[in-house]
């Protein structure tokens, strides 16, 4: 009996110990915290892997579809190494026309055309700047019952080389050259027998040194030269003999026979100031200003030759533009109202006058 009781006690003790061991094993062990608290932001320290992949996902064989791909509409430009040259090319044609058929108020059919071009090559790198500008314009007017007449004739070239001591300053030590002339003969209409000008008659060449103030955007350029040589060329001997544009005229005897031909070149040394300015005063409206002031030291210091041009360009779209401009010239070497006696001898050479021109045109413009 005692043995049986002891047996039951041992069984109870063994069973109780097993229950306590199992209860102790059911408490989960301490795990690593999966989050790190940084101030008020909680960042997960590790992320569980995806166990269930959606049926629509295709991670092994991706497929590219071109059903929604759009064609390239604009021209593709490959990358190019930046250049220190700034290149601009402009070619345009302005025209105007008036036609009348049985018009009671009267009028003549007329058509005018003006071709113009401008080519710019500017170089700038650190201390050196070299600006080159070539501009050409030529215009004609055809009117019913009248000969073809010239309305515009310009060839203008400008080149300025500048050097500055540092990359901050806008002031440059500069050397500048300008050249101006025209394409064909010019007449004082309606007289078309005796030309009053022609190619290189006159031709103007300026060469000098000084200082330039050039903004970084190159829209403002002020040049001051205390020493500039101006050469006036009159290669037409007939005009040179008449002393046109300031050259020394021919020496003749009492009967009008030429004893010594007129000079073809007239040299001056003086002070030159030029200024160009380009600014967009309103949307698609650009103002272009150019002025040149020159005074000769040797012959007439204080008398200033003026060449001032002001233009407004109105851009309609990429290819159509409108231009309005004025041009004022005063040169005491260009004389008007020459007076002659009954024998044809010149009694008075004439007087200098202000020359004024205004132009308005609508036409095509192409930049490339």
Protein backbone atom coordinates (compact mmCIF):
# COMPACT_ATOMS: atom_id res chain seq x y z
CA UNK A 1 0.00 0.00 0.00
CA UNK A 2 2.80 2.38 0.91
CA UNK A 3 4.64 1.51 -2.27
CA UNK A 4 1.62 2.28 -4.36
CA UNK A 5 1.13 5.61 -2.66
CA UNK A 6 4.80 6.47 -3.24
CA UNK A 7 4.47 5.47 -6.87
CA UNK A 8 1.56 7.80 -7.37
CA UNK A 9 3.42 10.68 -5.68
CA UNK A 10 6.43 10.24 -8.00
CA UNK A 11 4.17 10.18 -11.04
CA UNK A 12 2.49 13.42 -9.94
CA UNK A 13 5.84 15.12 -9.34
CA UNK A 14 7.22 14.07 -12.73
CA UNK A 15 4.07 15.21 -14.49
CA UNK A 16 4.11 18.57 -12.67
CA UNK A 17 7.75 19.14 -13.68
CA UNK A 18 6.93 18.47 -17.31
CA UNK A 19 4.08 21.00 -17.21
CA UNK A 20 6.31 23.62 -15.67
CA UNK A 21 9.02 23.03 -18.35
CA UNK A 22 6.46 23.34 -21.11
CA UNK A 23 5.05 26.55 -19.61
CA UNK A 24 8.56 28.01 -19.47
CA UNK A 25 9.24 27.07 -23.10
CA UNK A 26 6.03 28.80 -24.33
CA UNK A 27 7.42 32.30 -23.52
CA UNK A 28 8.81 33.75 -26.82
CA UNK A 29 12.51 34.58 -26.77
CA UNK A 30 13.74 38.20 -27.02
CA UNK A 31 13.80 39.34 -30.70
CA UNK A 32 15.72 42.09 -32.46
CA UNK A 33 13.76 45.33 -32.74
CA UNK A 34 12.86 45.92 -36.39
CA UNK A 35 12.64 49.70 -36.06
CA UNK A 36 15.00 52.50 -35.03
CA UNK A 37 13.53 55.65 -33.52
CA UNK A 38 15.28 58.80 -34.68
CA UNK A 39 13.64 61.89 -33.23
CA UNK A 40 10.04 61.68 -34.52
CA UNK A 41 10.82 59.55 -37.62
CA UNK A 42 10.65 55.76 -37.51
CA UNK A 43 12.90 53.94 -39.97
CA UNK A 44 12.61 50.21 -40.46
CA UNK A 45 15.89 48.40 -39.87
CA UNK A 46 15.04 45.49 -42.16
CA UNK A 47 12.31 44.60 -44.61
CA UNK A 48 10.55 41.30 -45.08
CA UNK A 49 10.83 39.72 -48.48
CA UNK A 50 7.83 39.51 -50.76
CA UNK A 51 6.17 36.16 -50.28
CA UNK A 52 3.21 36.48 -52.62
CA UNK A 53 3.84 37.78 -56.19
CA UNK A 54 0.73 39.03 -58.02
CA UNK A 55 -0.32 36.91 -60.97
CA UNK A 56 -0.09 39.87 -63.40
CA UNK A 57 3.55 40.65 -62.60
CA UNK A 58 6.16 39.40 -65.06
CA UNK A 59 9.57 39.72 -63.48
CA UNK A 60 11.46 37.24 -65.64
CA UNK A 61 10.57 38.19 -69.25
CA UNK A 62 9.90 41.96 -69.59
CA UNK A 63 8.20 42.99 -72.86
CA UNK A 64 8.59 46.44 -74.51
CA UNK A 65 5.52 47.77 -76.33
CA UNK A 66 5.69 50.46 -79.03
CA UNK A 67 1.94 50.99 -79.23
CA UNK A 68 2.10 54.25 -77.22
CA UNK A 69 5.44 55.47 -78.58
CA UNK A 70 5.28 58.88 -80.34
CA UNK A 71 7.52 59.76 -83.32
CA UNK A 72 10.29 62.35 -82.95
CA UNK A 73 8.80 65.56 -84.33
CA UNK A 74 11.74 67.92 -83.82
CA UNK A 75 15.13 67.50 -85.39
CA UNK A 76 17.58 65.69 -83.15
CA UNK A 77 20.79 67.58 -82.49
CA UNK A 78 23.77 65.63 -81.32
CA UNK A 79 25.88 67.02 -78.53
CA UNK A 80 28.60 69.36 -79.73
CA UNK A 81 31.58 70.73 -77.91
CA UNK A 82 30.82 74.36 -76.98
CA UNK A 83 32.52 76.85 -79.27
CA UNK A 84 33.94 80.25 -78.44
CA UNK A 85 32.53 81.59 -81.72
CA UNK A 86 29.11 83.24 -81.88
CA UNK A 87 27.75 82.88 -85.43
CA UNK A 88 24.70 84.67 -86.86
CA UNK A 89 23.46 84.66 -90.46
CA UNK A 90 20.44 86.63 -91.63
CA UNK A 91 19.10 86.89 -95.17
CA UNK A 92 15.87 88.70 -96.00
CA UNK A 93 13.80 90.38 -98.67
CA UNK A 94 11.33 93.23 -98.17
CA UNK A 95 8.86 94.29 -100.82
CA UNK A 96 5.97 96.66 -101.43
CA UNK A 97 3.55 96.93 -104.35
CA UNK A 98 0.68 99.05 -105.62
CA UNK A 99 -1.46 98.27 -108.69
CA UNK A 100 -4.29 100.29 -110.28
CA UNK A 101 -6.90 99.29 -112.86
CA UNK A 102 -9.38 101.95 -113.99
CA UNK A 103 -8.75 103.81 -110.73
CA UNK A 104 -10.66 107.08 -110.76
CA UNK A 105 -8.34 108.83 -108.28
CA UNK A 106 -5.35 108.06 -110.46
CA UNK A 107 -2.00 106.49 -109.68
CA UNK A 108 0.88 104.56 -111.20
CA UNK A 109 1.68 100.90 -110.76
CA UNK A 110 4.79 100.53 -108.62
CA UNK A 111 6.78 97.74 -107.04
CA UNK A 112 9.80 97.98 -104.76
CA UNK A 113 12.13 95.35 -103.43
CA UNK A 114 14.97 95.38 -100.90
CA UNK A 115 17.39 92.49 -100.36
CA UNK A 116 19.43 92.56 -97.18
CA UNK A 117 21.82 90.26 -95.37
CA UNK A 118 23.90 90.33 -92.21
CA UNK A 119 26.69 87.98 -91.15
CA UNK A 120 28.20 88.07 -87.66
CA UNK A 121 31.28 86.23 -86.42
CA UNK A 122 32.19 87.00 -82.81
CA UNK A 123 34.92 85.29 -80.79
CA UNK A 124 35.30 85.55 -77.02
CA UNK A 125 37.57 83.66 -74.64
CA UNK A 126 38.71 85.03 -71.29
CA UNK A 127 40.79 88.13 -72.09
CA UNK A 128 40.24 88.28 -75.86
CA UNK A 129 37.20 89.37 -77.85
CA UNK A 130 37.06 89.71 -81.64
CA UNK A 131 33.85 90.98 -83.27
CA UNK A 132 33.24 90.89 -87.04
CA UNK A 133 30.12 92.18 -88.78
CA UNK A 134 29.30 92.28 -92.52
CA UNK A 135 26.07 93.95 -93.68
CA UNK A 136 24.81 94.34 -97.26
CA UNK A 137 21.62 95.95 -98.57
CA UNK A 138 20.40 96.67 -102.08
CA UNK A 139 16.99 97.94 -103.18
CA UNK A 140 15.25 98.85 -106.47
CA UNK A 141 12.04 100.63 -107.37
CA UNK A 142 10.11 100.08 -110.61
CA UNK A 143 7.33 102.52 -111.46
CA UNK A 144 5.15 102.61 -114.56
CA UNK A 145 6.41 105.09 -117.11
CA UNK A 146 9.75 105.64 -115.35
CA UNK A 147 13.20 104.08 -115.46
CA UNK A 148 14.35 101.62 -112.81
CA UNK A 149 15.71 103.48 -109.79
CA UNK A 150 17.92 102.52 -106.88
CA UNK A 151 16.52 102.95 -103.37
CA UNK A 152 19.23 101.33 -101.22
CA UNK A 153 22.90 100.44 -101.75
CA UNK A 154 25.15 99.60 -98.78
CA UNK A 155 28.23 97.48 -98.13
CA UNK A 156 29.46 97.80 -94.55
CA UNK A 157 32.15 95.79 -92.77
CA UNK A 158 33.34 96.23 -89.18
CA UNK A 159 35.98 94.39 -87.18
CA UNK A 160 37.06 95.07 -83.58
CA UNK A 161 39.79 93.21 -81.70
CA UNK A 162 39.89 93.73 -77.94
CA UNK A 163 42.07 92.63 -75.02
CA UNK A 164 41.27 93.08 -71.33
CA UNK A 165 43.49 92.64 -68.27
CA UNK A 166 41.03 90.49 -66.27
CA UNK A 167 37.80 88.58 -66.80
CA UNK A 168 35.70 90.88 -64.61
CA UNK A 169 36.15 94.19 -66.42
CA UNK A 170 34.07 95.14 -69.47
CA UNK A 171 36.74 97.56 -70.75
CA UNK A 172 39.03 96.37 -73.55
CA UNK A 173 42.10 97.78 -75.25
CA UNK A 174 40.84 97.74 -78.84
CA UNK A 175 41.87 98.06 -82.45
CA UNK A 176 39.01 98.78 -84.85
CA UNK A 177 38.55 98.94 -88.60
CA UNK A 178 35.46 100.00 -90.56
CA UNK A 179 34.85 99.91 -94.30
CA UNK A 180 31.86 101.36 -96.18
CA UNK A 181 31.03 101.56 -99.89
CA UNK A 182 28.26 100.66 -102.39
CA UNK A 183 27.57 98.20 -105.23
CA UNK A 184 26.69 100.21 -108.35
CA UNK A 185 26.47 103.76 -109.73
CA UNK A 186 24.18 106.29 -108.09
CA UNK A 187 22.37 109.10 -109.91
CA UNK A 188 20.55 112.28 -109.10
CA UNK A 189 17.28 111.33 -110.78
CA UNK A 190 15.93 111.95 -113.36
CA UNK A 191 19.46 112.48 -114.71
CA UNK A 192 20.87 109.00 -115.39
CA UNK A 193 23.74 110.07 -117.62
CA UNK A 194 26.21 111.39 -115.07
CA UNK A 195 26.70 109.26 -111.95
CA UNK A 196 27.24 111.06 -108.66
CA UNK A 197 28.66 107.95 -106.94
CA UNK A 198 29.80 104.42 -107.77
CA UNK A 199 31.61 101.43 -106.29
CA UNK A 200 34.52 102.73 -104.18
CA UNK A 201 33.49 106.28 -105.00
CA UNK A 202 33.18 106.91 -102.21
CA UNK A 203 34.76 104.19 -100.13
CA UNK A 204 35.53 104.92 -96.48
CA UNK A 205 38.15 103.11 -94.41
CA UNK A 206 38.65 103.78 -90.67
CA UNK A 207 41.61 102.30 -88.80
CA UNK A 208 42.56 103.21 -85.25
CA UNK A 209 43.08 102.16 -81.66
CA UNK A 210 41.44 103.00 -78.37
CA UNK A 211 39.20 101.49 -75.71
CA UNK A 212 35.91 99.58 -75.92
CA UNK A 213 33.21 99.00 -73.34
CA UNK A 214 31.42 95.74 -74.22
CA UNK A 215 28.74 94.10 -72.09
CA UNK A 216 28.82 90.34 -71.62
CA UNK A 217 25.66 89.88 -73.69
CA UNK A 218 27.35 91.91 -76.51
CA UNK A 219 24.24 94.07 -76.95
CA UNK A 220 26.07 97.28 -76.01
CA UNK A 221 29.39 98.26 -77.57
CA UNK A 222 30.99 101.68 -77.00
CA UNK A 223 34.29 102.42 -78.75
CA UNK A 224 36.43 105.52 -78.12
CA UNK A 225 39.53 106.15 -80.21
CA UNK A 226 41.69 109.27 -79.78
CA UNK A 227 43.71 108.36 -82.86
CA UNK A 228 41.95 107.08 -85.99
CA UNK A 229 42.94 107.44 -89.61
CA UNK A 230 40.14 107.95 -92.13
CA UNK A 231 40.78 107.28 -95.81
CA UNK A 232 38.25 108.40 -98.43
CA UNK A 233 38.59 106.61 -101.77
CA UNK A 234 37.18 107.98 -105.03
CA UNK A 235 38.36 105.50 -107.66
CA UNK A 236 36.11 106.95 -110.35
CA UNK A 237 38.47 109.38 -112.08
CA UNK A 238 35.66 111.58 -113.42
CA UNK A 239 34.32 112.08 -109.90
CA UNK A 240 37.85 112.56 -108.56
CA UNK A 241 38.49 115.29 -111.13
CA UNK A 242 35.39 117.10 -109.86
CA UNK A 243 36.70 116.92 -106.29
CA UNK A 244 33.80 114.78 -105.07
CA UNK A 245 33.69 113.63 -101.42
CA UNK A 246 36.57 115.85 -100.33
CA UNK A 247 39.41 114.65 -102.58
CA UNK A 248 41.56 117.26 -104.32
CA UNK A 249 40.02 118.02 -107.70
CA UNK A 250 41.84 118.24 -111.02
CA UNK A 251 43.85 121.29 -112.02
CA UNK A 252 42.61 122.76 -115.31
CA UNK A 253 43.64 125.68 -117.52
CA UNK A 254 41.47 128.56 -118.69
CA UNK A 255 40.03 126.44 -121.50
CA UNK A 256 39.05 123.62 -119.14
CA UNK A 257 41.82 121.26 -120.17
CA UNK A 258 43.04 119.02 -117.36
CA UNK A 259 46.61 119.77 -116.39
CA UNK A 260 46.70 117.40 -113.40
CA UNK A 261 44.25 114.61 -112.59
CA UNK A 262 42.32 114.77 -109.36
CA UNK A 263 43.47 112.74 -106.38
CA UNK A 264 41.69 109.45 -105.70
CA UNK A 265 42.47 109.26 -101.97
CA UNK A 266 41.89 111.77 -99.18
CA UNK A 267 43.54 111.05 -95.81
CA UNK A 268 42.42 112.39 -92.43
CA UNK A 269 43.57 111.82 -88.84
CA UNK A 270 41.14 112.42 -86.02
CA UNK A 271 38.99 111.34 -83.08
CA UNK A 272 36.36 108.58 -83.48
CA UNK A 273 33.48 107.47 -81.24
CA UNK A 274 31.14 104.64 -82.23
CA UNK A 275 28.28 103.01 -80.39
CA UNK A 276 26.00 100.08 -81.18
CA UNK A 277 23.09 98.99 -79.01
CA UNK A 278 20.49 96.26 -79.43
CA UNK A 279 17.55 95.86 -77.06
CA UNK A 280 14.17 94.12 -77.05
CA UNK A 281 11.88 96.99 -76.03
CA UNK A 282 8.74 94.82 -76.20
CA UNK A 283 7.79 91.28 -77.10
CA UNK A 284 8.99 90.58 -80.69
CA UNK A 285 10.08 94.23 -81.10
CA UNK A 286 13.83 94.87 -81.26
CA UNK A 287 15.60 98.22 -81.42
CA UNK A 288 18.95 98.50 -83.23
CA UNK A 289 21.01 101.64 -82.82
CA UNK A 290 24.31 102.53 -84.52
CA UNK A 291 26.13 105.87 -84.48
CA UNK A 292 29.56 107.04 -85.60
CA UNK A 293 31.09 110.44 -84.73
CA UNK A 294 34.38 111.59 -86.30
CA UNK A 295 36.35 114.83 -86.14
CA UNK A 296 39.54 115.55 -88.07
CA UNK A 297 42.50 117.01 -86.16
CA UNK A 298 44.36 118.48 -89.13
CA UNK A 299 41.82 120.24 -91.33
CA UNK A 300 38.63 120.99 -89.42
CA UNK A 301 38.88 119.94 -85.78
CA UNK A 302 35.59 120.50 -83.99
CA UNK A 303 33.55 119.80 -87.09
CA UNK A 304 31.92 116.40 -86.52
CA UNK A 305 30.92 113.93 -89.23
CA UNK A 306 27.77 112.07 -88.15
CA UNK A 307 26.48 108.69 -89.33
CA UNK A 308 23.46 107.62 -87.27
CA UNK A 309 21.11 104.73 -88.00
CA UNK A 310 18.08 103.66 -85.94
CA UNK A 311 15.95 100.62 -86.83
CA UNK A 312 12.96 98.84 -85.30
CA UNK A 313 12.41 95.19 -86.21
CA UNK A 314 8.98 93.67 -85.58
CA UNK A 315 8.92 89.88 -85.76
CA UNK A 316 5.61 88.41 -86.94
CA UNK A 317 6.75 84.78 -86.90
CA UNK A 318 9.85 82.76 -87.69
CA UNK A 319 10.02 83.85 -91.34
CA UNK A 320 8.03 87.11 -91.61
CA UNK A 321 9.17 90.44 -90.16
CA UNK A 322 8.55 94.16 -90.47
CA UNK A 323 11.25 96.81 -90.26
CA UNK A 324 11.09 100.58 -89.81
CA UNK A 325 14.18 102.73 -89.72
CA UNK A 326 15.84 106.09 -90.25
CA UNK A 327 19.35 107.04 -91.36
CA UNK A 328 20.98 110.45 -90.86
CA UNK A 329 24.35 111.49 -92.37
CA UNK A 330 26.25 114.76 -92.12
CA UNK A 331 29.69 115.10 -93.75
CA UNK A 332 31.16 118.49 -94.60
CA UNK A 333 33.12 116.87 -97.46
CA UNK A 334 29.88 116.00 -99.29
CA UNK A 335 28.59 119.16 -100.99
CA UNK A 336 25.19 119.95 -102.54
CA UNK A 337 23.73 122.65 -104.79
CA UNK A 338 26.76 123.13 -107.00
CA UNK A 339 26.46 126.28 -109.11
CA UNK A 340 27.76 126.74 -112.67
CA UNK A 341 27.91 129.65 -115.08
CA UNK A 342 26.66 129.71 -118.68
CA UNK A 343 29.91 128.17 -119.90
CA UNK A 344 29.58 125.23 -117.53
CA UNK A 345 32.34 126.36 -115.20
CA UNK A 346 31.75 125.78 -111.50
CA UNK A 347 31.34 129.07 -109.70
CA UNK A 348 30.45 127.61 -106.28
CA UNK A 349 31.27 124.13 -105.05
CA UNK A 350 28.15 123.90 -102.92
CA UNK A 351 27.45 123.50 -99.23
CA UNK A 352 27.19 120.47 -96.90
CA UNK A 353 23.69 119.43 -95.86
CA UNK A 354 22.06 116.92 -93.55
CA UNK A 355 21.13 113.73 -95.40
CA UNK A 356 18.02 111.90 -94.16
CA UNK A 357 16.49 108.60 -95.24
CA UNK A 358 13.49 106.69 -93.91
CA UNK A 359 12.41 103.19 -94.87
CA UNK A 360 9.50 100.88 -94.02
CA UNK A 361 9.27 97.32 -95.27
CA UNK A 362 7.53 94.00 -94.73
CA UNK A 363 9.12 90.83 -95.96
CA UNK A 364 10.78 87.49 -95.40
CA UNK A 365 13.66 86.84 -93.01
CA UNK A 366 15.67 83.63 -92.67
CA UNK A 367 18.17 82.93 -89.91
CA UNK A 368 20.72 80.15 -90.18
